[in-house]
Amino acid sequence: MLVLASASPRRRELLTQAGYTFTVHPAHLPEDPRPGEAPIPYVTRLAREKAEAVFAELSAGSPAPLQVIGADTTVTVDDQILSKPENPADAARMLRLLSGRSHHVITGVAVVTAGSTEVAAEVTAVRFLSLSDAEIESYVASGEPMDKAGAYAIQGRAARWIPRIEGCYFNVVGLPLALVATMLESLPLAI
């Protein structure tokens, strides 16, 4: 049985789009970076912790073979981690940081089975056009940035400000599908 350890509707949509049959069982863990934690270790740690927590919870009462996918995405600019905004002012701050610059979107992915834990990360560079204060204010008022790392959704209204990416588009949405497929295919189900 394949399980997605995430409440993200975007991750659910992407796995469905890729043809996977799975159940959703979110992990509810604190997502704060540790002091001095770099972006890739941060997202891979969270992905692994989420997948391991859900695997432990579900495997305790079931003999069925499990593959649990955990994922976490962050945005970085100048080595600063931009998680989900705390409030509209924080979202506006993040968008000002991204305006007219390139940044990185990093997703950590973990797949946990009874026999192993595989962890990897995908990094995509994203270029933003320069944004006016009015554009930022209007976008924040739409509510779209409030539950997104870096305060934007490439598949939403912010698409008009992104002239170029280098890397996996699906990573920017929240789940690098080719990486996930490769990881799942490399791990046999084990009881």
N, C-alpha and C. Protein backbone atom coordinates (compact mmCIF):
# COMPACT_ATOMS: atom_id res chain seq x y z
N MET A 1 0.85 -1.17 0.00
CA MET A 1 0.00 0.00 0.00
C MET A 1 0.91 1.25 0.00
N LEU A 2 0.58 2.19 -0.86
CA LEU A 2 1.30 3.45 -0.94
C LEU A 2 0.56 4.50 -0.13
N VAL A 3 1.29 5.24 0.71
CA VAL A 3 0.70 6.24 1.58
C VAL A 3 1.47 7.56 1.40
N LEU A 4 0.73 8.64 1.27
CA LEU A 4 1.31 9.97 1.22
C LEU A 4 1.18 10.59 2.60
N ALA A 5 2.31 10.90 3.23
CA ALA A 5 2.32 11.47 4.58
C ALA A 5 2.27 12.99 4.51
N SER A 6 1.23 13.50 3.87
CA SER A 6 1.11 14.95 3.66
C SER A 6 -0.35 15.32 3.50
N ALA A 7 -0.69 16.49 4.02
CA ALA A 7 -2.04 17.02 3.84
C ALA A 7 -2.12 17.93 2.63
N SER A 8 -1.02 18.13 1.92
CA SER A 8 -0.98 19.06 0.80
C SER A 8 -1.88 18.62 -0.35
N PRO A 9 -2.86 19.45 -0.72
CA PRO A 9 -3.69 19.09 -1.87
C PRO A 9 -2.89 19.07 -3.16
N ARG A 10 -1.84 19.88 -3.25
CA ARG A 10 -1.02 19.89 -4.46
C ARG A 10 -0.26 18.58 -4.61
N ARG A 11 0.29 18.05 -3.54
CA ARG A 11 1.01 16.77 -3.62
C ARG A 11 0.03 15.64 -3.99
N ARG A 12 -1.15 15.69 -3.41
CA ARG A 12 -2.17 14.68 -3.73
C ARG A 12 -2.52 14.74 -5.21
N GLU A 13 -2.74 15.95 -5.74
CA GLU A 13 -3.07 16.11 -7.16
C GLU A 13 -1.94 15.61 -8.06
N LEU A 14 -0.71 15.91 -7.70
CA LEU A 14 0.43 15.48 -8.52
C LEU A 14 0.58 13.97 -8.54
N LEU A 15 0.46 13.31 -7.39
CA LEU A 15 0.55 11.84 -7.37
C LEU A 15 -0.58 11.20 -8.16
N THR A 16 -1.77 11.77 -8.06
CA THR A 16 -2.91 11.27 -8.83
C THR A 16 -2.65 11.46 -10.32
N GLN A 17 -2.17 12.64 -10.70
CA GLN A 17 -1.85 12.93 -12.10
C GLN A 17 -0.84 11.94 -12.65
N ALA A 18 0.10 11.51 -11.82
CA ALA A 18 1.14 10.58 -12.25
C ALA A 18 0.64 9.13 -12.29
N GLY A 19 -0.61 8.90 -11.89
CA GLY A 19 -1.20 7.57 -12.02
C GLY A 19 -1.06 6.68 -10.80
N TYR A 20 -0.65 7.22 -9.68
CA TYR A 20 -0.49 6.39 -8.49
C TYR A 20 -1.82 6.23 -7.75
N THR A 21 -2.00 5.06 -7.15
CA THR A 21 -3.11 4.79 -6.25
C THR A 21 -2.53 4.83 -4.85
N PHE A 22 -3.10 5.62 -3.97
CA PHE A 22 -2.50 5.82 -2.65
C PHE A 22 -3.56 6.31 -1.68
N THR A 23 -3.21 6.27 -0.41
CA THR A 23 -4.04 6.87 0.62
C THR A 23 -3.26 8.05 1.21
N VAL A 24 -3.98 8.93 1.87
CA VAL A 24 -3.36 10.10 2.49
C VAL A 24 -3.46 9.96 3.99
N HIS A 25 -2.33 10.11 4.65
CA HIS A 25 -2.28 10.07 6.11
C HIS A 25 -1.25 11.11 6.55
N PRO A 26 -1.69 12.34 6.81
CA PRO A 26 -0.74 13.40 7.14
C PRO A 26 0.02 13.15 8.44
N ALA A 27 1.25 13.59 8.43
CA ALA A 27 2.05 13.59 9.66
C ALA A 27 1.91 14.99 10.26
N HIS A 28 1.75 15.04 11.55
CA HIS A 28 1.60 16.33 12.21
C HIS A 28 2.82 16.55 13.11
N LEU A 29 3.85 17.14 12.52
CA LEU A 29 5.10 17.38 13.23
C LEU A 29 5.47 18.86 13.14
N PRO A 30 6.25 19.36 14.11
CA PRO A 30 6.74 20.73 13.99
C PRO A 30 7.65 20.84 12.76
N GLU A 31 7.56 21.96 12.05
CA GLU A 31 8.31 22.11 10.81
C GLU A 31 9.34 23.22 10.87
N ASP A 32 9.76 23.60 12.04
CA ASP A 32 10.73 24.67 12.18
C ASP A 32 12.15 24.17 11.91
N PRO A 33 12.95 24.98 11.21
CA PRO A 33 14.35 24.59 11.03
C PRO A 33 15.10 24.66 12.36
N ARG A 34 16.08 23.79 12.50
CA ARG A 34 16.94 23.83 13.68
C ARG A 34 17.94 24.97 13.52
N PRO A 35 18.45 25.50 14.62
CA PRO A 35 19.43 26.59 14.51
C PRO A 35 20.61 26.19 13.62
N GLY A 36 20.89 27.02 12.62
CA GLY A 36 22.00 26.77 11.72
C GLY A 36 21.77 25.69 10.67
N GLU A 37 20.57 25.14 10.61
CA GLU A 37 20.29 24.06 9.67
C GLU A 37 20.19 24.61 8.25
N ALA A 38 20.96 24.03 7.33
CA ALA A 38 20.96 24.45 5.94
C ALA A 38 19.69 23.94 5.25
N PRO A 39 19.30 24.54 4.12
CA PRO A 39 18.03 24.19 3.48
C PRO A 39 17.88 22.72 3.07
N ILE A 40 18.87 22.12 2.43
CA ILE A 40 18.70 20.72 1.99
C ILE A 40 18.60 19.77 3.19
N PRO A 41 19.50 19.86 4.18
CA PRO A 41 19.31 19.01 5.36
C PRO A 41 17.97 19.25 6.07
N TYR A 42 17.50 20.49 6.06
CA TYR A 42 16.22 20.82 6.68
C TYR A 42 15.06 20.07 6.01
N VAL A 43 14.93 20.20 4.69
CA VAL A 43 13.78 19.57 4.02
C VAL A 43 13.90 18.05 3.98
N THR A 44 15.12 17.52 3.87
CA THR A 44 15.25 16.06 3.86
C THR A 44 14.98 15.48 5.25
N ARG A 45 15.37 16.20 6.29
CA ARG A 45 15.07 15.74 7.66
C ARG A 45 13.56 15.70 7.87
N LEU A 46 12.87 16.79 7.50
CA LEU A 46 11.41 16.82 7.68
C LEU A 46 10.71 15.75 6.86
N ALA A 47 11.13 15.54 5.63
CA ALA A 47 10.52 14.50 4.79
C ALA A 47 10.69 13.13 5.43
N ARG A 48 11.91 12.85 5.92
CA ARG A 48 12.18 11.56 6.57
C ARG A 48 11.36 11.41 7.85
N GLU A 49 11.33 12.46 8.69
CA GLU A 49 10.58 12.38 9.95
C GLU A 49 9.09 12.16 9.69
N LYS A 50 8.53 12.83 8.70
CA LYS A 50 7.11 12.65 8.37
C LYS A 50 6.83 11.22 7.92
N ALA A 51 7.65 10.74 6.99
CA ALA A 51 7.44 9.38 6.47
C ALA A 51 7.63 8.33 7.55
N GLU A 52 8.66 8.49 8.38
CA GLU A 52 8.90 7.52 9.45
C GLU A 52 7.78 7.52 10.48
N ALA A 53 7.26 8.70 10.83
CA ALA A 53 6.18 8.79 11.82
C ALA A 53 4.93 8.09 11.31
N VAL A 54 4.57 8.34 10.06
CA VAL A 54 3.38 7.71 9.50
C VAL A 54 3.60 6.21 9.31
N PHE A 55 4.78 5.80 8.88
CA PHE A 55 5.08 4.37 8.73
C PHE A 55 4.93 3.67 10.08
N ALA A 56 5.50 4.25 11.14
CA ALA A 56 5.40 3.64 12.47
C ALA A 56 3.96 3.53 12.93
N GLU A 57 3.18 4.57 12.69
CA GLU A 57 1.78 4.57 13.11
C GLU A 57 0.96 3.52 12.36
N LEU A 58 1.14 3.44 11.04
CA LEU A 58 0.32 2.53 10.23
C LEU A 58 0.80 1.09 10.28
N SER A 59 2.08 0.86 10.40
CA SER A 59 2.58 -0.52 10.38
C SER A 59 2.33 -1.22 11.70
N ALA A 60 2.07 -0.48 12.77
CA ALA A 60 1.83 -1.08 14.08
C ALA A 60 0.60 -1.98 14.07
N GLY A 61 -0.42 -1.62 13.31
CA GLY A 61 -1.65 -2.40 13.34
C GLY A 61 -1.94 -3.14 12.05
N SER A 62 -0.98 -3.18 11.12
CA SER A 62 -1.27 -3.77 9.83
C SER A 62 -0.09 -4.59 9.31
N PRO A 63 -0.36 -5.82 8.89
CA PRO A 63 0.71 -6.62 8.30
C PRO A 63 0.93 -6.30 6.82
N ALA A 64 0.10 -5.44 6.24
CA ALA A 64 0.22 -5.13 4.81
C ALA A 64 1.53 -4.39 4.54
N PRO A 65 2.18 -4.69 3.41
CA PRO A 65 3.40 -3.97 3.07
C PRO A 65 3.09 -2.50 2.77
N LEU A 66 3.94 -1.65 3.27
CA LEU A 66 3.73 -0.21 3.13
C LEU A 66 4.91 0.46 2.45
N GLN A 67 4.60 1.46 1.65
CA GLN A 67 5.57 2.43 1.16
C GLN A 67 4.99 3.79 1.55
N VAL A 68 5.72 4.55 2.36
CA VAL A 68 5.23 5.84 2.81
C VAL A 68 6.12 6.93 2.23
N ILE A 69 5.48 7.90 1.56
CA ILE A 69 6.19 9.04 0.99
C ILE A 69 6.02 10.24 1.91
N GLY A 70 7.14 10.82 2.30
CA GLY A 70 7.13 12.08 3.03
C GLY A 70 7.80 13.13 2.17
N ALA A 71 7.35 14.37 2.26
CA ALA A 71 7.96 15.44 1.48
C ALA A 71 7.85 16.75 2.23
N ASP A 72 8.81 17.62 1.97
CA ASP A 72 8.76 18.97 2.51
C ASP A 72 9.44 19.90 1.52
N THR A 73 8.84 21.05 1.29
CA THR A 73 9.36 22.02 0.31
C THR A 73 9.65 23.34 1.00
N THR A 74 10.76 23.95 0.60
CA THR A 74 11.07 25.29 1.07
C THR A 74 11.61 26.12 -0.09
N VAL A 75 11.60 27.41 0.10
CA VAL A 75 12.16 28.36 -0.85
C VAL A 75 13.35 29.01 -0.17
N THR A 76 14.44 29.20 -0.91
CA THR A 76 15.61 29.85 -0.33
C THR A 76 16.07 30.99 -1.22
N VAL A 77 16.48 32.05 -0.57
CA VAL A 77 17.10 33.18 -1.25
C VAL A 77 18.20 33.66 -0.31
N ASP A 78 19.40 33.85 -0.85
CA ASP A 78 20.56 34.24 -0.02
C ASP A 78 20.73 33.30 1.17
N ASP A 79 20.54 32.00 0.95
CA ASP A 79 20.64 30.97 1.99
C ASP A 79 19.65 31.14 3.14
N GLN A 80 18.64 31.98 2.95
CA GLN A 80 17.58 32.17 3.94
C GLN A 80 16.42 31.26 3.58
N ILE A 81 15.94 30.49 4.54
CA ILE A 81 14.80 29.61 4.34
C ILE A 81 13.52 30.42 4.45
N LEU A 82 12.69 30.33 3.40
CA LEU A 82 11.38 30.99 3.41
C LEU A 82 10.31 29.90 3.47
N SER A 83 9.80 29.66 4.64
CA SER A 83 8.75 28.67 4.82
C SER A 83 7.41 29.29 4.47
N LYS A 84 6.33 28.76 5.01
CA LYS A 84 5.01 29.37 4.79
C LYS A 84 4.92 30.67 5.58
N PRO A 85 4.32 31.70 5.01
CA PRO A 85 4.23 32.97 5.74
C PRO A 85 3.35 32.85 6.98
N GLU A 86 3.73 33.59 8.01
CA GLU A 86 2.98 33.57 9.26
C GLU A 86 1.73 34.44 9.20
N ASN A 87 1.78 35.48 8.35
CA ASN A 87 0.67 36.41 8.24
C ASN A 87 0.84 37.20 6.93
N PRO A 88 -0.11 38.05 6.57
CA PRO A 88 0.02 38.80 5.31
C PRO A 88 1.27 39.68 5.23
N ALA A 89 1.68 40.28 6.33
CA ALA A 89 2.89 41.11 6.31
C ALA A 89 4.12 40.26 6.01
N ASP A 90 4.17 39.05 6.55
CA ASP A 90 5.28 38.14 6.28
C ASP A 90 5.28 37.70 4.82
N ALA A 91 4.09 37.46 4.27
CA ALA A 91 3.99 37.09 2.85
C ALA A 91 4.52 38.22 1.97
N ALA A 92 4.15 39.45 2.29
CA ALA A 92 4.62 40.61 1.52
C ALA A 92 6.14 40.75 1.63
N ARG A 93 6.68 40.51 2.81
CA ARG A 93 8.13 40.56 3.01
C ARG A 93 8.84 39.54 2.11
N MET A 94 8.31 38.32 2.07
CA MET A 94 8.91 37.27 1.24
C MET A 94 8.86 37.64 -0.23
N LEU A 95 7.72 38.14 -0.68
CA LEU A 95 7.59 38.50 -2.10
C LEU A 95 8.53 39.64 -2.48
N ARG A 96 8.75 40.57 -1.57
CA ARG A 96 9.73 41.64 -1.83
C ARG A 96 11.14 41.06 -1.96
N LEU A 97 11.46 40.06 -1.14
CA LEU A 97 12.76 39.40 -1.23
C LEU A 97 12.96 38.69 -2.58
N LEU A 98 11.88 38.10 -3.11
CA LEU A 98 11.96 37.34 -4.36
C LEU A 98 11.91 38.23 -5.60
N SER A 99 11.35 39.41 -5.47
CA SER A 99 11.11 40.30 -6.59
C SER A 99 12.39 40.63 -7.36
N GLY A 100 12.34 40.38 -8.68
CA GLY A 100 13.45 40.73 -9.56
C GLY A 100 14.68 39.87 -9.42
N ARG A 101 14.54 38.71 -8.81
CA ARG A 101 15.69 37.86 -8.53
C ARG A 101 15.40 36.40 -8.84
N SER A 102 16.46 35.63 -8.77
CA SER A 102 16.32 34.18 -8.82
C SER A 102 16.42 33.63 -7.40
N HIS A 103 15.73 32.52 -7.19
CA HIS A 103 15.79 31.83 -5.91
C HIS A 103 15.73 30.33 -6.18
N HIS A 104 15.82 29.54 -5.13
CA HIS A 104 15.75 28.09 -5.27
C HIS A 104 14.55 27.53 -4.52
N VAL A 105 13.91 26.56 -5.14
CA VAL A 105 12.87 25.78 -4.48
C VAL A 105 13.47 24.40 -4.25
N ILE A 106 13.43 23.95 -3.01
CA ILE A 106 14.04 22.67 -2.64
C ILE A 106 12.97 21.80 -1.99
N THR A 107 12.82 20.59 -2.51
CA THR A 107 11.92 19.62 -1.91
C THR A 107 12.71 18.41 -1.47
N GLY A 108 12.55 18.07 -0.21
CA GLY A 108 13.09 16.82 0.31
C GLY A 108 12.02 15.76 0.18
N VAL A 109 12.44 14.57 -0.25
CA VAL A 109 11.52 13.44 -0.40
C VAL A 109 12.10 12.24 0.34
N ALA A 110 11.25 11.54 1.07
CA ALA A 110 11.66 10.30 1.73
C ALA A 110 10.64 9.23 1.41
N VAL A 111 11.14 8.02 1.17
CA VAL A 111 10.27 6.86 1.00
C VAL A 111 10.71 5.83 2.04
N VAL A 112 9.77 5.44 2.89
CA VAL A 112 10.05 4.51 3.97
C VAL A 112 9.28 3.22 3.73
N THR A 113 9.99 2.10 3.82
CA THR A 113 9.38 0.77 3.78
C THR A 113 9.88 0.02 5.01
N ALA A 114 9.41 -1.21 5.18
CA ALA A 114 9.87 -2.01 6.31
C ALA A 114 11.37 -2.28 6.22
N GLY A 115 11.90 -2.31 5.00
CA GLY A 115 13.31 -2.66 4.84
C GLY A 115 14.27 -1.51 4.66
N SER A 116 13.76 -0.32 4.37
CA SER A 116 14.71 0.77 4.12
C SER A 116 14.04 2.14 4.17
N THR A 117 14.91 3.14 4.23
CA THR A 117 14.50 4.53 4.13
C THR A 117 15.40 5.18 3.10
N GLU A 118 14.78 5.74 2.06
CA GLU A 118 15.53 6.45 1.02
C GLU A 118 15.16 7.92 1.10
N VAL A 119 16.18 8.78 1.03
CA VAL A 119 15.96 10.21 1.13
C VAL A 119 16.73 10.91 0.01
N ALA A 120 16.08 11.90 -0.60
CA ALA A 120 16.73 12.67 -1.67
C ALA A 120 16.14 14.07 -1.69
N ALA A 121 16.77 14.94 -2.47
CA ALA A 121 16.26 16.31 -2.60
C ALA A 121 16.34 16.73 -4.06
N GLU A 122 15.41 17.58 -4.44
CA GLU A 122 15.36 18.18 -5.79
C GLU A 122 15.46 19.69 -5.62
N VAL A 123 16.28 20.33 -6.46
CA VAL A 123 16.47 21.78 -6.40
C VAL A 123 16.13 22.37 -7.76
N THR A 124 15.29 23.39 -7.77
CA THR A 124 14.90 24.09 -9.00
C THR A 124 15.15 25.58 -8.80
N ALA A 125 15.79 26.19 -9.80
CA ALA A 125 16.00 27.64 -9.77
C ALA A 125 14.81 28.32 -10.43
N VAL A 126 14.32 29.37 -9.81
CA VAL A 126 13.15 30.10 -10.30
C VAL A 126 13.50 31.57 -10.40
N ARG A 127 13.18 32.18 -11.52
CA ARG A 127 13.41 33.61 -11.74
C ARG A 127 12.09 34.36 -11.60
N PHE A 128 12.08 35.44 -10.82
CA PHE A 128 10.91 36.28 -10.64
C PHE A 128 11.12 37.61 -11.36
N LEU A 129 10.09 38.13 -11.97
CA LEU A 129 10.12 39.50 -12.47
C LEU A 129 10.09 40.46 -11.28
N SER A 130 10.38 41.72 -11.52
CA SER A 130 10.25 42.72 -10.47
C SER A 130 8.77 42.99 -10.22
N LEU A 131 8.40 43.04 -8.96
CA LEU A 131 7.00 43.24 -8.57
C LEU A 131 6.82 44.62 -7.97
N SER A 132 5.73 45.26 -8.30
CA SER A 132 5.41 46.54 -7.68
C SER A 132 4.75 46.29 -6.32
N ASP A 133 4.74 47.31 -5.49
CA ASP A 133 4.05 47.20 -4.20
C ASP A 133 2.58 46.87 -4.39
N ALA A 134 1.97 47.45 -5.44
CA ALA A 134 0.55 47.19 -5.71
C ALA A 134 0.33 45.73 -6.09
N GLU A 135 1.22 45.15 -6.89
CA GLU A 135 1.10 43.74 -7.27
C GLU A 135 1.23 42.84 -6.05
N ILE A 136 2.19 43.15 -5.21
CA ILE A 136 2.38 42.36 -3.99
C ILE A 136 1.15 42.46 -3.10
N GLU A 137 0.67 43.68 -2.89
CA GLU A 137 -0.50 43.89 -2.03
C GLU A 137 -1.72 43.14 -2.56
N SER A 138 -1.95 43.21 -3.87
CA SER A 138 -3.09 42.53 -4.47
C SER A 138 -2.96 41.01 -4.35
N TYR A 139 -1.77 40.49 -4.58
CA TYR A 139 -1.54 39.05 -4.50
C TYR A 139 -1.74 38.55 -3.06
N VAL A 140 -1.18 39.27 -2.11
CA VAL A 140 -1.35 38.87 -0.71
C VAL A 140 -2.83 38.91 -0.33
N ALA A 141 -3.55 39.93 -0.78
CA ALA A 141 -4.98 40.05 -0.48
C ALA A 141 -5.80 38.90 -1.07
N SER A 142 -5.30 38.28 -2.13
CA SER A 142 -6.01 37.14 -2.75
C SER A 142 -6.02 35.92 -1.83
N GLY A 143 -5.09 35.87 -0.88
CA GLY A 143 -5.00 34.72 0.03
C GLY A 143 -4.15 33.58 -0.50
N GLU A 144 -3.86 33.59 -1.79
CA GLU A 144 -3.13 32.47 -2.40
C GLU A 144 -1.77 32.20 -1.75
N PRO A 145 -1.01 33.21 -1.36
CA PRO A 145 0.32 32.92 -0.84
C PRO A 145 0.37 32.37 0.58
N MET A 146 -0.74 32.35 1.29
CA MET A 146 -0.70 32.12 2.72
C MET A 146 -0.30 30.71 3.16
N ASP A 147 -0.51 29.70 2.36
CA ASP A 147 -0.12 28.35 2.78
C ASP A 147 0.96 27.77 1.88
N LYS A 148 1.76 28.66 1.28
CA LYS A 148 2.78 28.22 0.32
C LYS A 148 4.17 28.63 0.80
N ALA A 149 5.12 27.73 0.72
CA ALA A 149 6.51 28.08 1.01
C ALA A 149 6.93 29.20 0.06
N GLY A 150 7.56 30.23 0.60
CA GLY A 150 7.99 31.36 -0.22
C GLY A 150 6.87 32.30 -0.60
N ALA A 151 5.66 32.02 -0.15
CA ALA A 151 4.50 32.90 -0.34
C ALA A 151 4.03 33.02 -1.79
N TYR A 152 4.19 31.96 -2.59
CA TYR A 152 3.63 32.00 -3.94
C TYR A 152 3.35 30.60 -4.46
N ALA A 153 2.48 30.54 -5.46
CA ALA A 153 2.15 29.28 -6.14
C ALA A 153 2.44 29.46 -7.62
N ILE A 154 3.39 28.69 -8.14
CA ILE A 154 3.75 28.81 -9.56
C ILE A 154 2.57 28.40 -10.44
N GLN A 155 1.70 27.53 -9.95
CA GLN A 155 0.56 27.07 -10.72
C GLN A 155 -0.65 27.98 -10.55
N GLY A 156 -0.47 29.08 -9.82
CA GLY A 156 -1.55 30.02 -9.59
C GLY A 156 -1.27 31.37 -10.23
N ARG A 157 -1.75 32.42 -9.58
CA ARG A 157 -1.61 33.78 -10.12
C ARG A 157 -0.16 34.22 -10.28
N ALA A 158 0.73 33.70 -9.47
CA ALA A 158 2.15 34.09 -9.53
C ALA A 158 2.82 33.63 -10.82
N ALA A 159 2.19 32.74 -11.56
CA ALA A 159 2.78 32.25 -12.81
C ALA A 159 3.14 33.39 -13.76
N ARG A 160 2.40 34.47 -13.71
CA ARG A 160 2.65 35.59 -14.63
C ARG A 160 3.94 36.33 -14.32
N TRP A 161 4.54 36.07 -13.16
CA TRP A 161 5.78 36.74 -12.77
C TRP A 161 7.01 35.86 -12.93
N ILE A 162 6.84 34.66 -13.47
CA ILE A 162 7.95 33.70 -13.53
C ILE A 162 8.29 33.41 -14.99
N PRO A 163 9.28 34.13 -15.53
CA PRO A 163 9.62 33.94 -16.94
C PRO A 163 10.44 32.69 -17.20
N ARG A 164 11.08 32.13 -16.16
CA ARG A 164 11.97 31.01 -16.42
C ARG A 164 12.22 30.21 -15.14
N ILE A 165 12.34 28.91 -15.34
CA ILE A 165 12.82 28.04 -14.27
C ILE A 165 13.90 27.14 -14.86
N GLU A 166 14.77 26.66 -14.00
CA GLU A 166 15.77 25.68 -14.40
C GLU A 166 15.62 24.50 -13.46
N GLY A 167 15.09 23.40 -14.01
CA GLY A 167 14.87 22.23 -13.18
C GLY A 167 13.43 21.75 -13.31
N CYS A 168 13.01 21.01 -12.32
CA CYS A 168 11.71 20.33 -12.34
C CYS A 168 10.57 21.28 -11.95
N TYR A 169 9.63 21.48 -12.87
CA TYR A 169 8.46 22.31 -12.59
C TYR A 169 7.64 21.73 -11.43
N PHE A 170 7.46 20.41 -11.42
CA PHE A 170 6.63 19.78 -10.39
C PHE A 170 7.24 19.95 -9.00
N ASN A 171 8.56 20.08 -8.94
CA ASN A 171 9.21 20.38 -7.67
C ASN A 171 8.72 21.72 -7.12
N VAL A 172 8.56 22.70 -7.99
CA VAL A 172 8.11 24.03 -7.55
C VAL A 172 6.66 23.96 -7.07
N VAL A 173 5.87 23.10 -7.68
CA VAL A 173 4.48 22.91 -7.24
C VAL A 173 4.46 22.21 -5.87
N GLY A 174 5.44 21.32 -5.62
CA GLY A 174 5.52 20.70 -4.30
C GLY A 174 5.93 19.25 -4.25
N LEU A 175 6.10 18.59 -5.41
CA LEU A 175 6.52 17.19 -5.40
C LEU A 175 7.20 16.83 -6.72
N PRO A 176 8.50 16.62 -6.72
CA PRO A 176 9.21 16.27 -7.95
C PRO A 176 8.87 14.84 -8.39
N LEU A 177 7.95 14.73 -9.34
CA LEU A 177 7.39 13.42 -9.71
C LEU A 177 8.42 12.43 -10.24
N ALA A 178 9.35 12.89 -11.07
CA ALA A 178 10.34 11.95 -11.62
C ALA A 178 11.22 11.39 -10.50
N LEU A 179 11.60 12.22 -9.55
CA LEU A 179 12.39 11.75 -8.41
C LEU A 179 11.58 10.75 -7.59
N VAL A 180 10.33 11.06 -7.31
CA VAL A 180 9.48 10.15 -6.53
C VAL A 180 9.33 8.81 -7.25
N ALA A 181 9.08 8.84 -8.55
CA ALA A 181 8.92 7.60 -9.31
C ALA A 181 10.19 6.76 -9.26
N THR A 182 11.33 7.39 -9.42
CA THR A 182 12.60 6.68 -9.37
C THR A 182 12.81 6.04 -7.99
N MET A 183 12.49 6.78 -6.95
CA MET A 183 12.65 6.25 -5.60
C MET A 183 11.71 5.08 -5.34
N LEU A 184 10.44 5.21 -5.76
CA LEU A 184 9.48 4.13 -5.53
C LEU A 184 9.86 2.87 -6.30
N GLU A 185 10.32 3.04 -7.53
CA GLU A 185 10.69 1.88 -8.35
C GLU A 185 11.93 1.16 -7.82
N SER A 186 12.79 1.87 -7.07
CA SER A 186 14.00 1.26 -6.57
C SER A 186 13.79 0.49 -5.27
N LEU A 187 12.63 0.67 -4.64
CA LEU A 187 12.37 0.02 -3.36
C LEU A 187 11.29 -1.04 -3.49
N PRO A 188 11.65 -2.31 -3.32
CA PRO A 188 10.61 -3.33 -3.35
C PRO A 188 9.77 -3.26 -2.08
N LEU A 189 8.51 -3.59 -2.21
CA LEU A 189 7.66 -3.67 -1.02
C LEU A 189 8.13 -4.82 -0.16
N ALA A 190 8.26 -4.59 1.13
CA ALA A 190 8.68 -5.63 2.04
C ALA A 190 7.69 -5.70 3.20
N ILE A 191 7.41 -6.91 3.64
CA ILE A 191 6.48 -7.08 4.76
C ILE A 191 7.24 -6.98 6.06
